[in-house]
Protein backbone atom coordinates (compact mmCIF):
# COMPACT_ATOMS: atom_id res chain seq x y z
CA UNK A 1 123.80 120.60 120.72
CA UNK A 2 126.58 121.09 118.08
CA UNK A 3 127.94 117.62 118.35
CA UNK A 4 127.55 114.66 115.79
CA UNK A 5 124.89 112.02 116.41
CA UNK A 6 126.19 108.69 115.14
CA UNK A 7 124.39 105.47 115.20
CA UNK A 8 126.24 102.32 114.22
CA UNK A 9 123.84 100.03 112.57
CA UNK A 10 125.82 97.10 112.30
CA UNK A 11 125.17 95.75 115.93
CA UNK A 12 121.94 93.81 115.00
CA UNK A 13 123.94 91.46 113.13
CA UNK A 14 126.72 89.58 114.78
CA UNK A 15 128.11 87.85 111.28
CA UNK A 16 128.03 91.47 109.72
CA UNK A 17 129.91 92.91 112.58
CA UNK A 18 132.40 90.12 112.49
CA UNK A 19 132.85 90.44 108.66
CA UNK A 20 133.76 94.04 109.12
CA UNK A 21 135.98 93.35 112.22
CA UNK A 22 138.04 90.80 110.27
CA UNK A 23 138.74 93.41 107.50
CA UNK A 24 139.74 95.79 110.24
CA UNK A 25 136.66 98.12 109.63
CA UNK A 26 135.11 98.08 113.01
CA UNK A 27 135.74 101.17 115.42
CA UNK A 28 133.34 102.15 118.35
CA UNK A 29 133.37 105.24 120.24
CA UNK A 30 133.13 104.46 123.88
CA UNK A 31 130.00 105.71 125.64
CA UNK A 32 129.83 106.13 129.61
CA UNK A 33 132.40 105.82 132.34
CA UNK A 34 131.77 102.18 133.27
CA UNK A 35 135.58 101.26 132.20
CA UNK A 36 136.98 104.50 133.55
CA UNK A 37 139.90 105.18 133.60
CA UNK A 38 141.00 102.81 131.19
CA UNK A 39 138.25 103.53 128.59
CA UNK A 40 136.96 107.26 128.94
CA UNK A 41 133.86 108.60 127.35
CA UNK A 42 134.66 109.30 123.70
CA UNK A 43 137.66 107.04 123.23
CA UNK A 44 137.67 105.27 119.96
CA UNK A 45 137.88 101.31 120.52
CA UNK A 46 139.66 99.41 117.95
CA UNK A 47 138.26 95.83 117.86
CA UNK A 48 139.88 92.55 116.90
CA UNK A 49 137.81 89.68 115.82
CA UNK A 50 138.23 86.57 118.57
CA UNK A 51 136.42 83.66 119.18
CA UNK A 52 135.45 82.61 122.94
CA UNK A 53 138.58 80.24 123.25
CA UNK A 54 140.82 82.76 122.09
CA UNK A 55 139.94 85.26 124.86
CA UNK A 56 141.78 85.41 127.76
CA UNK A 57 141.21 86.69 131.49
CA UNK A 58 142.00 90.16 131.68
CA UNK A 59 140.84 90.89 127.86
CA UNK A 60 138.26 93.61 127.18
CA UNK A 61 135.75 91.49 125.47
CA UNK A 62 133.32 93.11 122.89
CA UNK A 63 129.72 91.16 123.26
CA UNK A 64 126.22 91.78 122.07
CA UNK A 65 123.48 92.32 124.73
CA UNK A 66 119.85 93.28 123.81
CA UNK A 67 120.87 94.48 120.06
CA UNK A 68 123.89 96.69 121.36
CA UNK A 69 127.49 96.06 121.80
CA UNK A 70 129.30 96.30 125.06
CA UNK A 71 133.08 96.24 125.97
CA UNK A 72 133.83 95.15 129.47
CA UNK A 73 136.66 93.17 131.27
CA UNK A 74 136.86 89.31 131.16
CA UNK A 75 136.78 87.92 134.87
CA UNK A 76 136.07 84.22 134.29
CA UNK A 77 135.92 81.45 131.66
CA UNK A 78 134.09 78.06 132.29
CA UNK A 79 131.89 75.68 130.69
CA UNK A 80 128.32 74.26 131.37
CA UNK A 81 125.85 71.94 129.79
CA UNK A 82 125.03 74.47 126.98
CA UNK A 83 128.86 74.84 126.24
CA UNK A 84 131.81 77.26 126.82
CA UNK A 85 131.15 80.52 128.28
CA UNK A 86 132.95 83.76 129.65
CA UNK A 87 131.92 86.32 132.30
CA UNK A 88 132.63 90.10 132.05
CA UNK A 89 132.01 92.88 134.44
CA UNK A 90 132.99 96.72 134.01
CA UNK A 91 135.99 98.12 135.62
CA UNK A 92 134.05 100.58 137.80
CA UNK A 93 131.80 97.76 139.24
CA UNK A 94 132.69 96.80 142.79
CA UNK A 95 130.10 94.06 143.09
CA UNK A 96 128.29 91.84 140.45
CA UNK A 97 129.04 91.13 137.06
CA UNK A 98 127.43 90.77 133.73
CA UNK A 99 125.40 87.85 132.64
CA UNK A 100 127.58 84.91 130.83
CA UNK A 101 128.07 85.69 127.06
CA UNK A 102 128.55 82.36 124.47
CA UNK A 103 130.49 82.38 121.48
CA UNK A 104 127.52 83.41 119.27
CA UNK A 105 127.31 86.87 121.07
CA UNK A 106 131.06 87.66 120.90
CA UNK A 107 132.48 89.92 118.24
CA UNK A 108 136.30 90.21 119.70
CA UNK A 109 138.42 91.94 121.88
CA UNK A 110 139.55 95.75 122.32
CA UNK A 111 142.92 95.73 120.86
CA UNK A 112 143.58 99.37 121.00
CA UNK A 113 142.24 102.59 122.38
CA UNK A 114 142.56 106.04 120.57
CA UNK A 115 142.26 109.25 122.72
CA UNK A 116 142.92 112.27 120.67
CA UNK A 117 146.57 111.73 119.15
CA UNK A 118 147.47 109.12 121.68
CA UNK A 119 147.45 105.26 121.10
CA UNK A 120 146.67 103.33 124.48
CA UNK A 121 146.28 99.66 125.32
CA UNK A 122 143.14 98.41 127.51
CA UNK A 123 145.27 97.33 130.36
CA UNK A 124 143.73 97.35 134.06
CA UNK A 125 146.28 99.44 136.07
CA UNK A 126 146.71 99.84 139.78
CA UNK A 127 146.83 103.26 140.98
CA UNK A 128 148.12 104.72 144.35
CA UNK A 129 145.35 106.07 146.90
CA UNK A 130 146.03 109.73 145.97
CA UNK A 131 145.71 108.83 142.17
CA UNK A 132 142.50 106.93 143.06
CA UNK A 133 141.00 109.76 144.64
CA UNK A 134 141.84 112.27 141.93
CA UNK A 135 140.49 110.12 139.35
CA UNK A 136 137.08 109.51 141.29
CA UNK A 137 136.77 113.39 141.38
CA UNK A 138 137.32 113.75 137.68
CA UNK A 139 134.92 111.05 137.05
CA UNK A 140 132.28 112.77 139.12
CA UNK A 141 132.89 115.85 137.11
CA UNK A 142 132.51 114.08 133.67
CA UNK A 143 129.25 112.33 134.74
CA UNK A 144 127.79 115.84 135.72
CA UNK A 145 129.26 117.17 132.50
CA UNK A 146 127.66 114.44 130.55
CA UNK A 147 124.23 114.77 132.47
CA UNK A 148 124.24 118.46 131.50
CA UNK A 149 124.77 117.91 127.82
CA UNK A 150 122.28 115.44 127.55
CA UNK A 151 119.67 117.84 129.00
CA UNK A 152 120.78 120.29 126.55
CA UNK A 153 120.42 117.89 123.80
CA UNK A 154 117.11 117.17 124.97
CA UNK A 155 116.07 120.70 125.08
CA UNK A 156 117.42 121.41 121.72
CA UNK A 157 115.56 118.21 120.30
CA UNK A 158 112.23 119.60 121.92
CA UNK A 159 112.65 122.89 120.08
CA UNK A 160 113.20 121.19 116.75
CA UNK A 161 110.05 119.13 117.45
CA UNK A 162 108.16 122.54 117.33
CA UNK A 163 107.05 123.62 113.78
CA UNK A 164 107.77 127.33 114.51
CA UNK A 165 111.47 126.71 115.36
CA UNK A 166 111.98 124.20 112.59
CA UNK A 167 110.46 127.12 110.31
CA UNK A 168 112.77 129.57 112.04
CA UNK A 169 116.23 127.21 111.84
CA UNK A 170 115.53 126.68 107.88
CA UNK A 171 115.14 130.65 107.59
CA UNK A 172 118.20 131.32 109.57
CA UNK A 173 120.38 128.56 107.38
CA UNK A 174 119.14 129.97 104.40
CA UNK A 175 119.86 133.63 105.04
CA UNK A 176 123.53 132.31 106.11
CA UNK A 177 123.83 130.80 102.25
CA UNK A 178 125.39 127.55 103.30
CA UNK A 179 128.49 126.18 101.56
CA UNK A 180 127.70 122.22 100.94
CA UNK A 181 130.33 120.33 99.77
CA UNK A 182 129.89 116.20 99.20
CA UNK A 183 132.89 113.73 99.02
CA UNK A 184 133.13 110.08 98.71
CA UNK A 185 135.49 108.36 101.22
CA UNK A 186 136.91 104.59 100.56
CA UNK A 187 138.67 102.31 102.87
CA UNK A 188 142.64 102.65 103.08
CA UNK A 189 144.94 101.32 105.99
CA UNK A 190 147.95 102.90 107.59
CA UNK A 191 149.67 100.41 109.39
CA UNK A 192 147.09 98.47 111.64
CA UNK A 193 144.54 101.55 111.64
CA UNK A 194 141.47 101.34 109.72
CA UNK A 195 141.06 104.66 107.99
CA UNK A 196 139.04 106.03 105.07
CA UNK A 197 140.73 107.94 101.96
CA UNK A 198 138.70 110.93 100.15
CA UNK A 199 138.24 110.67 96.31
CA UNK A 200 139.16 113.64 94.30
CA UNK A 201 136.09 116.11 93.52
CA UNK A 202 136.35 115.48 89.92
CA UNK A 203 135.33 111.40 90.78
CA UNK A 204 132.36 112.14 92.79
CA UNK A 205 129.74 112.27 89.66
CA UNK A 206 131.48 108.98 88.06
CA UNK A 207 131.96 107.13 91.17
CA UNK A 208 130.29 103.78 90.91
CA UNK A 209 130.39 100.31 92.77
CA UNK A 210 131.03 96.70 91.44
CA UNK A 211 133.48 95.16 89.04
CA UNK A 212 132.81 97.95 86.40
CA UNK A 213 133.76 100.59 89.17
CA UNK A 214 135.20 100.57 92.50
CA UNK A 215 135.36 96.79 93.91
CA UNK A 216 134.84 98.09 97.52
CA UNK A 217 133.10 96.42 100.39
CA UNK A 218 132.68 99.38 102.55
CA UNK A 219 132.27 103.24 101.46
CA UNK A 220 130.83 106.33 103.02
CA UNK A 221 129.42 109.76 101.60
CA UNK A 222 130.39 112.83 103.62
CA UNK A 223 128.61 116.35 103.67
CA UNK A 224 130.49 119.37 104.81
CA UNK A 225 128.54 122.49 105.71
CA UNK A 226 130.74 125.70 105.72
CA UNK A 227 133.74 123.53 105.88
CA UNK A 228 132.39 121.54 109.09
CA UNK A 229 131.49 117.89 108.92
CA UNK A 230 127.85 118.22 109.06
CA UNK A 231 126.61 114.17 108.24
CA UNK A 232 127.69 111.06 106.56
CA UNK A 233 126.35 107.87 105.75
CA UNK A 234 128.13 104.47 105.67
CA UNK A 235 127.52 101.39 103.57
CA UNK A 236 128.95 97.95 103.82
CA UNK A 237 128.49 95.15 101.30
CA UNK A 238 128.07 91.40 102.10
CA UNK A 239 129.14 89.43 99.03
CA UNK A 240 126.86 86.45 97.58
CA UNK A 241 126.89 83.36 99.75
CA UNK A 242 127.25 85.12 103.03
CA UNK A 243 124.56 86.16 105.60
CA UNK A 244 123.35 89.18 104.79
CA UNK A 245 123.80 89.44 101.21
CA UNK A 246 123.96 92.78 99.67
CA UNK A 247 124.27 96.55 100.58
CA UNK A 248 123.53 97.59 103.86
CA UNK A 249 123.33 100.96 105.58
CA UNK A 250 125.97 100.38 108.16
CA UNK A 251 126.06 103.92 109.96
CA UNK A 252 124.13 107.13 110.11
CA UNK A 253 125.76 110.49 111.44
CA UNK A 254 124.35 113.91 111.35
CA UNK A 255 124.03 117.05 113.48
CA UNK A 256 120.39 117.63 114.86
CA UNK A 257 120.10 121.03 113.26
CA UNK A 258 121.22 119.87 109.81
CA UNK A 259 118.89 116.91 110.18
CA UNK A 260 116.08 119.14 110.84
CA UNK A 261 116.27 121.12 107.61
CA UNK A 262 116.72 118.23 105.48
CA UNK A 263 120.49 118.24 104.77
CA UNK A 264 120.63 114.25 105.76
CA UNK A 265 117.71 113.74 103.39
CA UNK A 266 119.89 115.35 100.52
CA UNK A 267 122.93 113.48 101.50
CA UNK A 268 121.11 110.14 101.09
CA UNK A 269 119.75 111.11 97.77
CA UNK A 270 123.45 111.79 96.54
CA UNK A 271 124.03 108.35 97.98
CA UNK A 272 121.04 106.85 96.16
CA UNK A 273 122.35 108.24 92.79
CA UNK A 274 125.54 106.13 93.13
CA UNK A 275 123.73 103.05 94.06
CA UNK A 276 121.38 103.34 91.08
CA UNK A 277 123.99 103.86 88.78
CA UNK A 278 126.00 100.88 90.22
CA UNK A 279 122.75 98.82 89.55
CA UNK A 280 122.24 98.17 93.13
CA UNK A 281 118.44 96.86 93.36
CA UNK A 282 117.87 97.20 97.11
CA UNK A 283 119.36 98.67 100.21
CA UNK A 284 118.69 97.06 103.87
CA UNK A 285 119.12 98.52 107.43
CA UNK A 286 118.88 97.04 110.68
CA UNK A 287 118.09 99.64 113.30
CA UNK A 288 118.63 99.51 117.19
CA UNK A 289 115.38 100.28 119.32
CA UNK A 290 117.11 103.16 120.87
CA UNK A 291 117.99 104.79 117.49
CA UNK A 292 114.19 105.86 117.05
CA UNK A 293 115.35 109.01 115.19
CA UNK A 294 116.87 106.60 112.67
CA UNK A 295 113.95 104.59 112.31
CA UNK A 296 111.71 107.39 111.70
CA UNK A 297 114.38 109.19 109.16
CA UNK A 298 114.44 105.84 107.28
CA UNK A 299 110.81 105.65 107.14
CA UNK A 300 110.60 109.06 105.69
CA UNK A 301 112.77 108.49 102.71
CA UNK A 302 111.19 105.31 101.93
CA UNK A 303 112.40 102.32 103.73
CA UNK A 304 109.98 99.60 104.64
CA UNK A 305 110.18 97.12 107.48
CA UNK A 306 109.96 93.44 106.80
CA UNK A 307 110.28 90.16 108.37
CA UNK A 308 113.27 88.10 107.38
CA UNK A 309 113.00 85.13 104.68
CA UNK A 310 114.63 81.93 104.40
CA UNK A 311 117.16 83.55 101.83
CA UNK A 312 117.85 86.38 104.22
CA UNK A 313 117.98 84.93 107.66
CA UNK A 314 118.60 87.41 110.48
CA UNK A 315 118.94 86.95 114.23
CA UNK A 316 117.04 90.15 115.23
CA UNK A 317 117.06 91.34 118.65
CA UNK A 318 113.95 92.40 120.67
CA UNK A 319 112.69 95.87 119.35
CA UNK A 320 115.00 96.14 116.26
CA UNK A 321 113.62 97.17 112.96
CA UNK A 322 114.64 95.61 109.77
CA UNK A 323 113.90 97.62 106.76
CA UNK A 324 114.50 97.45 103.16
CA UNK A 325 114.50 100.09 100.24
CA UNK A 326 114.31 99.56 96.65
CA UNK A 327 116.81 101.57 94.98
CA UNK A 328 117.03 100.63 91.20
CA UNK A 329 114.34 102.66 89.61
CA UNK A 330 112.29 100.97 86.68
CA UNK A 331 113.30 103.75 84.21
CA UNK A 332 117.04 103.03 84.87
């Protein structure tokens, strides 16, 4: 109920995701327990771009399936009439495997795992029987906890769907006199880790993109509520001549209680002012089917669905929504 809901919107475009990975900007948060105990729910997965011929047996390959990305262990490589392929399966799977993956669906491999302050490698380990039983017990407890948390989130979402509860939440937050702070973050690197550095507060109102401002290809705007991270929006740029040219909304993050009272809308308005003074005309977004709340929110703030044209080709997966919003106003 108090966790941040983050949706990575780069998944619909394998080219956009590869571009970000090549610049050290793709980090996935693991969901589920199919790769336990090597990868745990909530771990951060650092992705290194690789083509199919560069991936070896035992590597944890990151591939796209049905508009989403998965990270499973490579167990076989081969070639058929359609060309080279590889086969993956989750570490927890005792029988069966995934469908074959082609080069067009591969993003790369998991080169590292961040678990709290620990940096780990995705190596398949052989444990003693006693350790296996202990890990199996921990897995079952973690699965029960995850089911319970999802039920709590569903219950809270149902509450927020009722007008009386939304009004009550707004009243409670108004009475609390929220301390809202906005900040801009641009890419920086510490060794091999992709990080963002925060700009000084006095740079917020003058921050702009492009040759006359900050020549960055990725940035994000963050909202803190009472000194707690409440929401963030991440943007990525594809230069002219590349697929998906222009600025894209790459990730949306926000706590449910803040989304329900319009704070995510206010954050986007701040970002839109930056795009406007940077002479950005349009902003695009590609939304997976499971991110229904993001699709509804984008429609509410003015995004419109459209089909790809010859100058903006896109390999849309079934159920995805390609949307665009005009940013630059006529009076500017």
